[in-house]
Structures are given as structure tokens and as C-alpha cells.
Amino acid sequence: MMIELEAKKYSLKVQTEKSFALAMEEISKETFHAKAVFFDLHSEKEQISGFDLVEKLHGLSEKRIETIVGVLTSASDLDTRTRLSQRKVDLFFKKPVQIGFLLDQLNKAF
């Protein structure tokens, strides 16, 4: 994918998943030790919402301590931002977001 190629310019390893279910499966593995997890908040094809994914991620507390959670969304209303803040989402990106900008912000975080 394009983001994986761009990430190499920043010496960052990026892994993408095609669905929330696959992402949760990957995050739940004992071998998962990512520094950051980003996902689209809303997806028409998913059975769960991005809000539910955040809740499940926080349920993996030992991994959450060292993982930055970022959300990509077209919603910019105060209610959405408040709900994300209450769920301890670390980074919020309004779509459309430039891949280079996202990676630059991630690179600065580390």
C-alpha cells in the first residue's frame, strides 16, 4: 500500500489491515508491540464502529500503555472529538489527510 511505501522514507514500519476485525485480531496477539495504531473512525462495511475498536484496544491495557492511538475521520463536530478524548485517543486527523503529514506527525511523536 502507498502508506507503507511512504513510511520507509521515515524509517517507520507500517502494517495495514483491511478491516477492524483483522486489526483487532492482530492487536490481540502476544507478539503485537506497535508504537501506534491508526484507524478510520467510521466504515460502512464494518460490523463495529471505530469507537468500539478503541474500547477493545483499551481492554488490552498492558499493550495500551505503550501504544499511541490515532483516528482518521471526516467528522469534525465537537461531540465526536469529545467522545474520542474521553476514550483517550491520542491523535485526531481530519480527512482527507496527506500521508506525508500523518507520517511526519508520527515521526515527531517518537
PDB file of N, CA and C in Angstrom:
ATOM      1  N   MET A   1       0.829  -1.186   0.000  1.00  0.00           N
ATOM      2  CA  MET A   1       0.000   0.000   0.000  1.00  0.00           C
ATOM      3  C   MET A   1       0.873   1.249   0.000  1.00  0.00           C
ATOM      4  N   MET A   2       0.275   2.333  -0.392  1.00  0.00           N
ATOM      5  CA  MET A   2       1.004   3.585  -0.526  1.00  0.00           C
ATOM      6  C   MET A   2       1.609   4.064   0.798  1.00  0.00           C
ATOM      7  N   ILE A   3       0.855   3.945   1.889  1.00  0.00           N
ATOM      8  CA  ILE A   3       1.368   4.421   3.175  1.00  0.00           C
ATOM      9  C   ILE A   3       2.593   3.616   3.611  1.00  0.00           C
ATOM     10  N   GLU A   4       2.609   2.330   3.310  1.00  0.00           N
ATOM     11  CA  GLU A   4       3.758   1.504   3.677  1.00  0.00           C
ATOM     12  C   GLU A   4       5.008   1.953   2.935  1.00  0.00           C
ATOM     13  N   LEU A   5       4.858   2.318   1.670  1.00  0.00           N
ATOM     14  CA  LEU A   5       5.996   2.809   0.881  1.00  0.00           C
ATOM     15  C   LEU A   5       6.478   4.160   1.403  1.00  0.00           C
ATOM     16  N   GLU A   6       5.539   5.047   1.681  1.00  0.00           N
ATOM     17  CA  GLU A   6       5.894   6.371   2.212  1.00  0.00           C
ATOM     18  C   GLU A   6       6.591   6.260   3.569  1.00  0.00           C
ATOM     19  N   ALA A   7       6.145   5.327   4.402  1.00  0.00           N
ATOM     20  CA  ALA A   7       6.702   5.171   5.748  1.00  0.00           C
ATOM     21  C   ALA A   7       8.182   4.813   5.705  1.00  0.00           C
ATOM     22  N   LYS A   8       8.605   4.124   4.677  1.00  0.00           N
ATOM     23  CA  LYS A   8      10.019   3.750   4.552  1.00  0.00           C
ATOM     24  C   LYS A   8      10.911   4.980   4.477  1.00  0.00           C
ATOM     25  N   LYS A   9      10.409   6.094   3.936  1.00  0.00           N
ATOM     26  CA  LYS A   9      11.170   7.342   3.868  1.00  0.00           C
ATOM     27  C   LYS A   9      11.487   7.875   5.271  1.00  0.00           C
ATOM     28  N   TYR A  10      10.634   7.496   6.232  1.00  0.00           N
ATOM     29  CA  TYR A  10      10.797   7.940   7.618  1.00  0.00           C
ATOM     30  C   TYR A  10      11.397   6.843   8.496  1.00  0.00           C
ATOM     31  N   SER A  11      11.799   5.756   7.870  1.00  0.00           N
ATOM     32  CA  SER A  11      12.308   4.579   8.581  1.00  0.00           C
ATOM     33  C   SER A  11      11.281   4.031   9.567  1.00  0.00           C
ATOM     34  N   LEU A  12      10.018   4.119   9.190  1.00  0.00           N
ATOM     35  CA  LEU A  12       8.927   3.595  10.006  1.00  0.00           C
ATOM     36  C   LEU A  12       8.368   2.344   9.339  1.00  0.00           C
ATOM     37  N   LYS A  13       8.068   1.344  10.132  1.00  0.00           N
ATOM     38  CA  LYS A  13       7.420   0.141   9.627  1.00  0.00           C
ATOM     39  C   LYS A  13       5.921   0.302   9.827  1.00  0.00           C
ATOM     40  N   VAL A  14       5.164   0.149   8.755  1.00  0.00           N
ATOM     41  CA  VAL A  14       3.715   0.289   8.809  1.00  0.00           C
ATOM     42  C   VAL A  14       3.069  -1.010   8.353  1.00  0.00           C
ATOM     43  N   GLN A  15       2.099  -1.451   9.118  1.00  0.00           N
ATOM     44  CA  GLN A  15       1.322  -2.637   8.750  1.00  0.00           C
ATOM     45  C   GLN A  15      -0.123  -2.202   8.624  1.00  0.00           C
ATOM     46  N   THR A  16      -0.770  -2.573   7.537  1.00  0.00           N
ATOM     47  CA  THR A  16      -2.175  -2.220   7.345  1.00  0.00           C
ATOM     48  C   THR A  16      -3.035  -3.470   7.366  1.00  0.00           C
ATOM     49  N   GLU A  17      -4.261  -3.297   7.791  1.00  0.00           N
ATOM     50  CA  GLU A  17      -5.241  -4.385   7.794  1.00  0.00           C
ATOM     51  C   GLU A  17      -6.463  -3.906   7.032  1.00  0.00           C
ATOM     52  N   LYS A  18      -7.184  -4.837   6.433  1.00  0.00           N
ATOM     53  CA  LYS A  18      -8.329  -4.494   5.586  1.00  0.00           C
ATOM     54  C   LYS A  18      -9.624  -4.287   6.354  1.00  0.00           C
ATOM     55  N   SER A  19      -9.649  -4.652   7.633  1.00  0.00           N
ATOM     56  CA  SER A  19     -10.881  -4.499   8.404  1.00  0.00           C
ATOM     57  C   SER A  19     -10.565  -4.318   9.885  1.00  0.00           C
ATOM     58  N   PHE A  20     -11.558  -3.815  10.619  1.00  0.00           N
ATOM     59  CA  PHE A  20     -11.409  -3.676  12.063  1.00  0.00           C
ATOM     60  C   PHE A  20     -11.203  -5.043  12.704  1.00  0.00           C
ATOM     61  N   ALA A  21     -11.916  -6.048  12.209  1.00  0.00           N
ATOM     62  CA  ALA A  21     -11.805  -7.398  12.782  1.00  0.00           C
ATOM     63  C   ALA A  21     -10.381  -7.921  12.632  1.00  0.00           C
ATOM     64  N   LEU A  22      -9.786  -7.751  11.463  1.00  0.00           N
ATOM     65  CA  LEU A  22      -8.405  -8.194  11.261  1.00  0.00           C
ATOM     66  C   LEU A  22      -7.438  -7.386  12.116  1.00  0.00           C
ATOM     67  N   ALA A  23      -7.708  -6.102  12.268  1.00  0.00           N
ATOM     68  CA  ALA A  23      -6.856  -5.258  13.110  1.00  0.00           C
ATOM     69  C   ALA A  23      -6.932  -5.718  14.565  1.00  0.00           C
ATOM     70  N   MET A  24      -8.142  -5.998  15.062  1.00  0.00           N
ATOM     71  CA  MET A  24      -8.287  -6.459  16.443  1.00  0.00           C
ATOM     72  C   MET A  24      -7.604  -7.794  16.645  1.00  0.00           C
ATOM     73  N   GLU A  25      -7.699  -8.657  15.649  1.00  0.00           N
ATOM     74  CA  GLU A  25      -7.027  -9.956  15.727  1.00  0.00           C
ATOM     75  C   GLU A  25      -5.517  -9.762  15.859  1.00  0.00           C
ATOM     76  N   GLU A  26      -4.973  -8.851  15.077  1.00  0.00           N
ATOM     77  CA  GLU A  26      -3.536  -8.577  15.102  1.00  0.00           C
ATOM     78  C   GLU A  26      -3.123  -7.939  16.431  1.00  0.00           C
ATOM     79  N   ILE A  27      -3.893  -6.963  16.885  1.00  0.00           N
ATOM     80  CA  ILE A  27      -3.600  -6.265  18.137  1.00  0.00           C
ATOM     81  C   ILE A  27      -3.657  -7.212  19.328  1.00  0.00           C
ATOM     82  N   SER A  28      -4.530  -8.201  19.267  1.00  0.00           N
ATOM     83  CA  SER A  28      -4.714  -9.142  20.376  1.00  0.00           C
ATOM     84  C   SER A  28      -3.586 -10.162  20.510  1.00  0.00           C
ATOM     85  N   LYS A  29      -2.766 -10.292  19.492  1.00  0.00           N
ATOM     86  CA  LYS A  29      -1.672 -11.269  19.533  1.00  0.00           C
ATOM     87  C   LYS A  29      -0.614 -10.857  20.557  1.00  0.00           C
ATOM     88  N   GLU A  30      -0.036 -11.849  21.207  1.00  0.00           N
ATOM     89  CA  GLU A  30       1.034 -11.603  22.177  1.00  0.00           C
ATOM     90  C   GLU A  30       2.234 -10.924  21.524  1.00  0.00           C
ATOM     91  N   THR A  31       2.436 -11.160  20.249  1.00  0.00           N
ATOM     92  CA  THR A  31       3.592 -10.618  19.536  1.00  0.00           C
ATOM     93  C   THR A  31       3.382  -9.172  19.078  1.00  0.00           C
ATOM     94  N   PHE A  32       2.205  -8.613  19.318  1.00  0.00           N
ATOM     95  CA  PHE A  32       1.909  -7.242  18.892  1.00  0.00           C
ATOM     96  C   PHE A  32       2.569  -6.243  19.836  1.00  0.00           C
ATOM     97  N   HIS A  33       3.445  -5.424  19.289  1.00  0.00           N
ATOM     98  CA  HIS A  33       4.122  -4.396  20.084  1.00  0.00           C
ATOM     99  C   HIS A  33       4.305  -3.133  19.256  1.00  0.00           C
ATOM    100  N   ALA A  34       3.228  -2.617  18.696  1.00  0.00           N
ATOM    101  CA  ALA A  34       3.300  -1.409  17.877  1.00  0.00           C
ATOM    102  C   ALA A  34       3.409  -0.171  18.757  1.00  0.00           C
ATOM    103  N   LYS A  35       4.062   0.843  18.210  1.00  0.00           N
ATOM    104  CA  LYS A  35       4.150   2.116  18.917  1.00  0.00           C
ATOM    105  C   LYS A  35       2.899   2.950  18.685  1.00  0.00           C
ATOM    106  N   ALA A  36       2.182   2.683  17.571  1.00  0.00           N
ATOM    107  CA  ALA A  36       0.984   3.455  17.257  1.00  0.00           C
ATOM    108  C   ALA A  36      -0.003   2.610  16.461  1.00  0.00           C
ATOM    109  N   VAL A  37      -1.273   2.902  16.668  1.00  0.00           N
ATOM    110  CA  VAL A  37      -2.353   2.273  15.918  1.00  0.00           C
ATOM    111  C   VAL A  37      -3.236   3.394  15.394  1.00  0.00           C
ATOM    112  N   PHE A  38      -3.464   3.398  14.090  1.00  0.00           N
ATOM    113  CA  PHE A  38      -4.345   4.379  13.466  1.00  0.00           C
ATOM    114  C   PHE A  38      -5.458   3.654  12.743  1.00  0.00           C
ATOM    115  N   PHE A  39      -6.641   4.215  12.774  1.00  0.00           N
ATOM    116  CA  PHE A  39      -7.744   3.617  12.031  1.00  0.00           C
ATOM    117  C   PHE A  39      -8.774   4.677  11.692  1.00  0.00           C
ATOM    118  N   ASP A  40      -9.589   4.347  10.691  1.00  0.00           N
ATOM    119  CA  ASP A  40     -10.684   5.204  10.274  1.00  0.00           C
ATOM    120  C   ASP A  40     -11.804   5.026  11.284  1.00  0.00           C
ATOM    121  N   LEU A  41     -12.340   6.113  11.771  1.00  0.00           N
ATOM    122  CA  LEU A  41     -13.365   6.042  12.804  1.00  0.00           C
ATOM    123  C   LEU A  41     -14.658   5.402  12.303  1.00  0.00           C
ATOM    124  N   HIS A  42     -15.025   5.688  11.075  1.00  0.00           N
ATOM    125  CA  HIS A  42     -16.285   5.188  10.525  1.00  0.00           C
ATOM    126  C   HIS A  42     -16.022   4.393   9.259  1.00  0.00           C
ATOM    127  N   SER A  43     -16.657   3.247   9.167  1.00  0.00           N
ATOM    128  CA  SER A  43     -16.544   2.415   7.980  1.00  0.00           C
ATOM    129  C   SER A  43     -17.885   1.759   7.734  1.00  0.00           C
ATOM    130  N   GLU A  44     -18.434   1.963   6.562  1.00  0.00           N
ATOM    131  CA  GLU A  44     -19.758   1.428   6.248  1.00  0.00           C
ATOM    132  C   GLU A  44     -19.774  -0.099   6.199  1.00  0.00           C
ATOM    133  N   LYS A  45     -18.633  -0.698   5.893  1.00  0.00           N
ATOM    134  CA  LYS A  45     -18.608  -2.154   5.725  1.00  0.00           C
ATOM    135  C   LYS A  45     -18.296  -2.916   7.011  1.00  0.00           C
ATOM    136  N   GLU A  46     -18.045  -2.221   8.099  1.00  0.00           N
ATOM    137  CA  GLU A  46     -17.652  -2.869   9.352  1.00  0.00           C
ATOM    138  C   GLU A  46     -18.857  -3.169  10.235  1.00  0.00           C
ATOM    139  N   GLN A  47     -18.733  -4.223  11.032  1.00  0.00           N
ATOM    140  CA  GLN A  47     -19.765  -4.606  11.979  1.00  0.00           C
ATOM    141  C   GLN A  47     -19.675  -3.789  13.271  1.00  0.00           C
ATOM    142  N   ILE A  48     -18.497  -3.239  13.545  1.00  0.00           N
ATOM    143  CA  ILE A  48     -18.308  -2.437  14.754  1.00  0.00           C
ATOM    144  C   ILE A  48     -17.823  -1.046  14.339  1.00  0.00           C
ATOM    145  N   SER A  49     -17.989  -0.103  15.236  1.00  0.00           N
ATOM    146  CA  SER A  49     -17.539   1.264  14.947  1.00  0.00           C
ATOM    147  C   SER A  49     -16.109   1.453  15.443  1.00  0.00           C
ATOM    148  N   GLY A  50     -15.496   2.526  15.003  1.00  0.00           N
ATOM    149  CA  GLY A  50     -14.170   2.871  15.490  1.00  0.00           C
ATOM    150  C   GLY A  50     -14.175   3.117  16.991  1.00  0.00           C
ATOM    151  N   PHE A  51     -15.290   3.633  17.520  1.00  0.00           N
ATOM    152  CA  PHE A  51     -15.404   3.839  18.962  1.00  0.00           C
ATOM    153  C   PHE A  51     -15.302   2.496  19.695  1.00  0.00           C
ATOM    154  N   ASP A  52     -15.955   1.469  19.132  1.00  0.00           N
ATOM    155  CA  ASP A  52     -15.884   0.135  19.740  1.00  0.00           C
ATOM    156  C   ASP A  52     -14.459  -0.409  19.670  1.00  0.00           C
ATOM    157  N   LEU A  53     -13.782  -0.148  18.571  1.00  0.00           N
ATOM    158  CA  LEU A  53     -12.400  -0.610  18.417  1.00  0.00           C
ATOM    159  C   LEU A  53     -11.497   0.028  19.469  1.00  0.00           C
ATOM    160  N   VAL A  54     -11.702   1.311  19.739  1.00  0.00           N
ATOM    161  CA  VAL A  54     -10.918   1.995  20.782  1.00  0.00           C
ATOM    162  C   VAL A  54     -11.161   1.330  22.127  1.00  0.00           C
ATOM    163  N   GLU A  55     -12.428   1.040  22.439  1.00  0.00           N
ATOM    164  CA  GLU A  55     -12.764   0.390  23.710  1.00  0.00           C
ATOM    165  C   GLU A  55     -12.061  -0.966  23.823  1.00  0.00           C
ATOM    166  N   LYS A  56     -12.086  -1.749  22.756  1.00  0.00           N
ATOM    167  CA  LYS A  56     -11.439  -3.058  22.780  1.00  0.00           C
ATOM    168  C   LYS A  56      -9.929  -2.913  22.931  1.00  0.00           C
ATOM    169  N   LEU A  57      -9.355  -1.933  22.268  1.00  0.00           N
ATOM    170  CA  LEU A  57      -7.924  -1.698  22.376  1.00  0.00           C
ATOM    171  C   LEU A  57      -7.542  -1.338  23.808  1.00  0.00           C
ATOM    172  N   HIS A  58      -8.340  -0.499  24.445  1.00  0.00           N
ATOM    173  CA  HIS A  58      -8.063  -0.132  25.835  1.00  0.00           C
ATOM    174  C   HIS A  58      -8.207  -1.326  26.771  1.00  0.00           C
ATOM    175  N   GLY A  59      -8.990  -2.318  26.363  1.00  0.00           N
ATOM    176  CA  GLY A  59      -9.132  -3.533  27.163  1.00  0.00           C
ATOM    177  C   GLY A  59      -7.838  -4.330  27.222  1.00  0.00           C
ATOM    178  N   LEU A  60      -6.948  -4.077  26.281  1.00  0.00           N
ATOM    179  CA  LEU A  60      -5.639  -4.728  26.258  1.00  0.00           C
ATOM    180  C   LEU A  60      -4.649  -3.806  26.964  1.00  0.00           C
ATOM    181  N   SER A  61      -4.888  -3.536  28.228  1.00  0.00           N
ATOM    182  CA  SER A  61      -4.189  -2.484  28.962  1.00  0.00           C
ATOM    183  C   SER A  61      -2.672  -2.592  28.937  1.00  0.00           C
ATOM    184  N   GLU A  62      -2.128  -3.782  29.018  1.00  0.00           N
ATOM    185  CA  GLU A  62      -0.671  -3.897  29.052  1.00  0.00           C
ATOM    186  C   GLU A  62      -0.052  -3.421  27.738  1.00  0.00           C
ATOM    187  N   LYS A  63      -0.782  -3.551  26.641  1.00  0.00           N
ATOM    188  CA  LYS A  63      -0.280  -3.080  25.349  1.00  0.00           C
ATOM    189  C   LYS A  63      -0.601  -1.605  25.156  1.00  0.00           C
ATOM    190  N   ARG A  64      -1.705  -1.146  25.703  1.00  0.00           N
ATOM    191  CA  ARG A  64      -2.155   0.232  25.529  1.00  0.00           C
ATOM    192  C   ARG A  64      -1.168   1.227  26.138  1.00  0.00           C
ATOM    193  N   ILE A  65      -0.506   0.843  27.200  1.00  0.00           N
ATOM    194  CA  ILE A  65       0.409   1.739  27.895  1.00  0.00           C
ATOM    195  C   ILE A  65       1.466   2.294  26.949  1.00  0.00           C
ATOM    196  N   GLU A  66       1.917   1.486  26.015  1.00  0.00           N
ATOM    197  CA  GLU A  66       2.993   1.906  25.127  1.00  0.00           C
ATOM    198  C   GLU A  66       2.545   2.176  23.692  1.00  0.00           C
ATOM    199  N   THR A  67       1.236   2.216  23.447  1.00  0.00           N
ATOM    200  CA  THR A  67       0.734   2.385  22.099  1.00  0.00           C
ATOM    201  C   THR A  67      -0.048   3.678  21.955  1.00  0.00           C
ATOM    202  N   ILE A  68       0.336   4.491  20.983  1.00  0.00           N
ATOM    203  CA  ILE A  68      -0.402   5.710  20.649  1.00  0.00           C
ATOM    204  C   ILE A  68      -1.596   5.312  19.788  1.00  0.00           C
ATOM    205  N   VAL A  69      -2.769   5.845  20.095  1.00  0.00           N
ATOM    206  CA  VAL A  69      -3.967   5.572  19.309  1.00  0.00           C
ATOM    207  C   VAL A  69      -4.317   6.819  18.517  1.00  0.00           C
ATOM    208  N   GLY A  70      -4.439   6.659  17.203  1.00  0.00           N
ATOM    209  CA  GLY A  70      -4.802   7.768  16.329  1.00  0.00           C
ATOM    210  C   GLY A  70      -6.023   7.422  15.500  1.00  0.00           C
ATOM    211  N   VAL A  71      -6.837   8.418  15.217  1.00  0.00           N
ATOM    212  CA  VAL A  71      -8.074   8.223  14.464  1.00  0.00           C
ATOM    213  C   VAL A  71      -8.094   9.151  13.264  1.00  0.00           C
ATOM    214  N   LEU A  72      -8.542   8.603  12.136  1.00  0.00           N
ATOM    215  CA  LEU A  72      -8.773   9.379  10.922  1.00  0.00           C
ATOM    216  C   LEU A  72     -10.281   9.463  10.736  1.00  0.00           C
ATOM    217  N   THR A  73     -10.818  10.659  10.553  1.00  0.00           N
ATOM    218  CA  THR A  73     -12.263  10.795  10.406  1.00  0.00           C
ATOM    219  C   THR A  73     -12.618  12.054   9.635  1.00  0.00           C
ATOM    220  N   SER A  74     -13.753  12.008   8.970  1.00  0.00           N
ATOM    221  CA  SER A  74     -14.244  13.197   8.286  1.00  0.00           C
ATOM    222  C   SER A  74     -15.113  14.027   9.232  1.00  0.00           C
ATOM    223  N   ALA A  75     -15.474  13.463  10.373  1.00  0.00           N
ATOM    224  CA  ALA A  75     -16.286  14.182  11.360  1.00  0.00           C
ATOM    225  C   ALA A  75     -15.424  15.179  12.113  1.00  0.00           C
ATOM    226  N   SER A  76     -15.913  16.401  12.219  1.00  0.00           N
ATOM    227  CA  SER A  76     -15.149  17.407  12.961  1.00  0.00           C
ATOM    228  C   SER A  76     -15.989  18.053  14.059  1.00  0.00           C
ATOM    229  N   ASP A  77     -17.159  17.486  14.310  1.00  0.00           N
ATOM    230  CA  ASP A  77     -18.040  18.072  15.313  1.00  0.00           C
ATOM    231  C   ASP A  77     -17.480  17.882  16.721  1.00  0.00           C
ATOM    232  N   LEU A  78     -17.880  18.746  17.607  1.00  0.00           N
ATOM    233  CA  LEU A  78     -17.386  18.738  18.983  1.00  0.00           C
ATOM    234  C   LEU A  78     -17.744  17.438  19.706  1.00  0.00           C
ATOM    235  N   ASP A  79     -18.926  16.893  19.448  1.00  0.00           N
ATOM    236  CA  ASP A  79     -19.352  15.649  20.099  1.00  0.00           C
ATOM    237  C   ASP A  79     -18.391  14.501  19.769  1.00  0.00           C
ATOM    238  N   THR A  80     -18.012  14.378  18.504  1.00  0.00           N
ATOM    239  CA  THR A  80     -17.088  13.312  18.096  1.00  0.00           C
ATOM    240  C   THR A  80     -15.739  13.492  18.771  1.00  0.00           C
ATOM    241  N   ARG A  81     -15.226  14.702  18.748  1.00  0.00           N
ATOM    242  CA  ARG A  81     -13.924  14.969  19.371  1.00  0.00           C
ATOM    243  C   ARG A  81     -13.970  14.716  20.879  1.00  0.00           C
ATOM    244  N   THR A  82     -15.069  15.072  21.518  1.00  0.00           N
ATOM    245  CA  THR A  82     -15.223  14.841  22.955  1.00  0.00           C
ATOM    246  C   THR A  82     -15.255  13.347  23.250  1.00  0.00           C
ATOM    247  N   ARG A  83     -16.028  12.599  22.465  1.00  0.00           N
ATOM    248  CA  ARG A  83     -16.101  11.141  22.665  1.00  0.00           C
ATOM    249  C   ARG A  83     -14.726  10.499  22.483  1.00  0.00           C
ATOM    250  N   LEU A  84     -13.964  10.967  21.508  1.00  0.00           N
ATOM    251  CA  LEU A  84     -12.625  10.426  21.283  1.00  0.00           C
ATOM    252  C   LEU A  84     -11.694  10.775  22.438  1.00  0.00           C
ATOM    253  N   SER A  85     -11.787  12.000  22.908  1.00  0.00           N
ATOM    254  CA  SER A  85     -10.955  12.441  24.029  1.00  0.00           C
ATOM    255  C   SER A  85     -11.277  11.637  25.289  1.00  0.00           C
ATOM    256  N   GLN A  86     -12.562  11.388  25.541  1.00  0.00           N
ATOM    257  CA  GLN A  86     -12.974  10.606  26.701  1.00  0.00           C
ATOM    258  C   GLN A  86     -12.455   9.176  26.623  1.00  0.00           C
ATOM    259  N   ARG A  87     -12.249   8.685  25.418  1.00  0.00           N
ATOM    260  CA  ARG A  87     -11.740   7.320  25.220  1.00  0.00           C
ATOM    261  C   ARG A  87     -10.219   7.298  25.111  1.00  0.00           C
ATOM    262  N   LYS A  88      -9.605   8.413  25.438  1.00  0.00           N
ATOM    263  CA  LYS A  88      -8.147   8.533  25.473  1.00  0.00           C
ATOM    264  C   LYS A  88      -7.482   8.271  24.120  1.00  0.00           C
ATOM    265  N   VAL A  89      -8.098   8.804  23.056  1.00  0.00           N
ATOM    266  CA  VAL A  89      -7.460   8.768  21.740  1.00  0.00           C
ATOM    267  C   VAL A  89      -6.405   9.862  21.740  1.00  0.00           C
ATOM    268  N   ASP A  90      -5.187   9.507  21.339  1.00  0.00           N
ATOM    269  CA  ASP A  90      -4.053  10.426  21.423  1.00  0.00           C
ATOM    270  C   ASP A  90      -3.971  11.417  20.264  1.00  0.00           C
ATOM    271  N   LEU A  91      -4.281  10.951  19.050  1.00  0.00           N
ATOM    272  CA  LEU A  91      -4.157  11.793  17.867  1.00  0.00           C
ATOM    273  C   LEU A  91      -5.437  11.750  17.043  1.00  0.00           C
ATOM    274  N   PHE A  92      -5.814  12.893  16.520  1.00  0.00           N
ATOM    275  CA  PHE A  92      -7.044  13.032  15.748  1.00  0.00           C
ATOM    276  C   PHE A  92      -6.677  13.706  14.422  1.00  0.00           C
ATOM    277  N   PHE A  93      -6.966  13.039  13.313  1.00  0.00           N
ATOM    278  CA  PHE A  93      -6.677  13.598  11.993  1.00  0.00           C
ATOM    279  C   PHE A  93      -7.964  13.718  11.194  1.00  0.00           C
ATOM    280  N   LYS A  94      -8.257  14.933  10.734  1.00  0.00           N
ATOM    281  CA  LYS A  94      -9.433  15.164   9.899  1.00  0.00           C
ATOM    282  C   LYS A  94      -9.107  14.767   8.469  1.00  0.00           C
ATOM    283  N   LYS A  95      -9.976  13.957   7.875  1.00  0.00           N
ATOM    284  CA  LYS A  95      -9.787  13.529   6.485  1.00  0.00           C
ATOM    285  C   LYS A  95     -10.272  14.625   5.552  1.00  0.00           C
ATOM    286  N   PRO A  96      -9.725  14.732   4.391  1.00  0.00           N
ATOM    287  CA  PRO A  96      -8.605  13.912   3.910  1.00  0.00           C
ATOM    288  C   PRO A  96      -7.292  14.383   4.527  1.00  0.00           C
ATOM    289  N   VAL A  97      -6.440  13.444   4.852  1.00  0.00           N
ATOM    290  CA  VAL A  97      -5.135  13.768   5.438  1.00  0.00           C
ATOM    291  C   VAL A  97      -4.053  13.315   4.469  1.00  0.00           C
ATOM    292  N   GLN A  98      -3.053  14.133   4.309  1.00  0.00           N
ATOM    293  CA  GLN A  98      -1.919  13.782   3.462  1.00  0.00           C
ATOM    294  C   GLN A  98      -1.091  12.725   4.188  1.00  0.00           C
ATOM    295  N   ILE A  99      -0.735  11.670   3.495  1.00  0.00           N
ATOM    296  CA  ILE A  99       0.045  10.592   4.107  1.00  0.00           C
ATOM    297  C   ILE A  99       1.359  11.130   4.669  1.00  0.00           C
ATOM    298  N   GLY A 100       2.020  11.998   3.926  1.00  0.00           N
ATOM    299  CA  GLY A 100       3.275  12.573   4.402  1.00  0.00           C
ATOM    300  C   GLY A 100       3.096  13.345   5.700  1.00  0.00           C
ATOM    301  N   PHE A 101       1.990  14.095   5.819  1.00  0.00           N
ATOM    302  CA  PHE A 101       1.706  14.848   7.036  1.00  0.00           C
ATOM    303  C   PHE A 101       1.495  13.901   8.212  1.00  0.00           C
ATOM    304  N   LEU A 102       0.703  12.848   8.005  1.00  0.00           N
ATOM    305  CA  LEU A 102       0.445  11.874   9.059  1.00  0.00           C
ATOM    306  C   LEU A 102       1.746  11.237   9.526  1.00  0.00           C
ATOM    307  N   LEU A 103       2.573  10.813   8.596  1.00  0.00           N
ATOM    308  CA  LEU A 103       3.840  10.169   8.951  1.00  0.00           C
ATOM    309  C   LEU A 103       4.800  11.147   9.609  1.00  0.00           C
ATOM    310  N   ASP A 104       4.788  12.396   9.165  1.00  0.00           N
ATOM    311  CA  ASP A 104       5.645  13.414   9.776  1.00  0.00           C
ATOM    312  C   ASP A 104       5.228  13.632  11.240  1.00  0.00           C
ATOM    313  N   GLN A 105       3.928  13.698  11.510  1.00  0.00           N
ATOM    314  CA  GLN A 105       3.454  13.866  12.886  1.00  0.00           C
ATOM    315  C   GLN A 105       3.804  12.645  13.741  1.00  0.00           C
ATOM    316  N   LEU A 106       3.685  11.468  13.164  1.00  0.00           N
ATOM    317  CA  LEU A 106       4.051  10.249  13.877  1.00  0.00           C
ATOM    318  C   LEU A 106       5.537  10.204  14.163  1.00  0.00           C
ATOM    319  N   ASN A 107       6.314  10.592  13.192  1.00  0.00           N
ATOM    320  CA  ASN A 107       7.776  10.618  13.355  1.00  0.00           C
ATOM    321  C   ASN A 107       8.175  11.588  14.475  1.00  0.00           C
ATOM    322  N   LYS A 108       7.488  12.732  14.561  1.00  0.00           N
ATOM    323  CA  LYS A 108       7.771  13.719  15.611  1.00  0.00           C
ATOM    324  C   LYS A 108       7.399  13.182  16.998  1.00  0.00           C
ATOM    325  N   ALA A 109       6.377  12.331  17.048  1.00  0.00           N
ATOM    326  CA  ALA A 109       5.928  11.759  18.323  1.00  0.00           C
ATOM    327  C   ALA A 109       6.965  10.821  18.920  1.00  0.00           C
ATOM    328  N   PHE A 110       7.847  10.290  18.059  1.00  0.00           N
ATOM    329  CA  PHE A 110       8.858   9.354  18.538  1.00  0.00           C
ATOM    330  C   PHE A 110      10.224   9.971  18.416  1.00  0.00           C
TER     331      PHE A 110
END
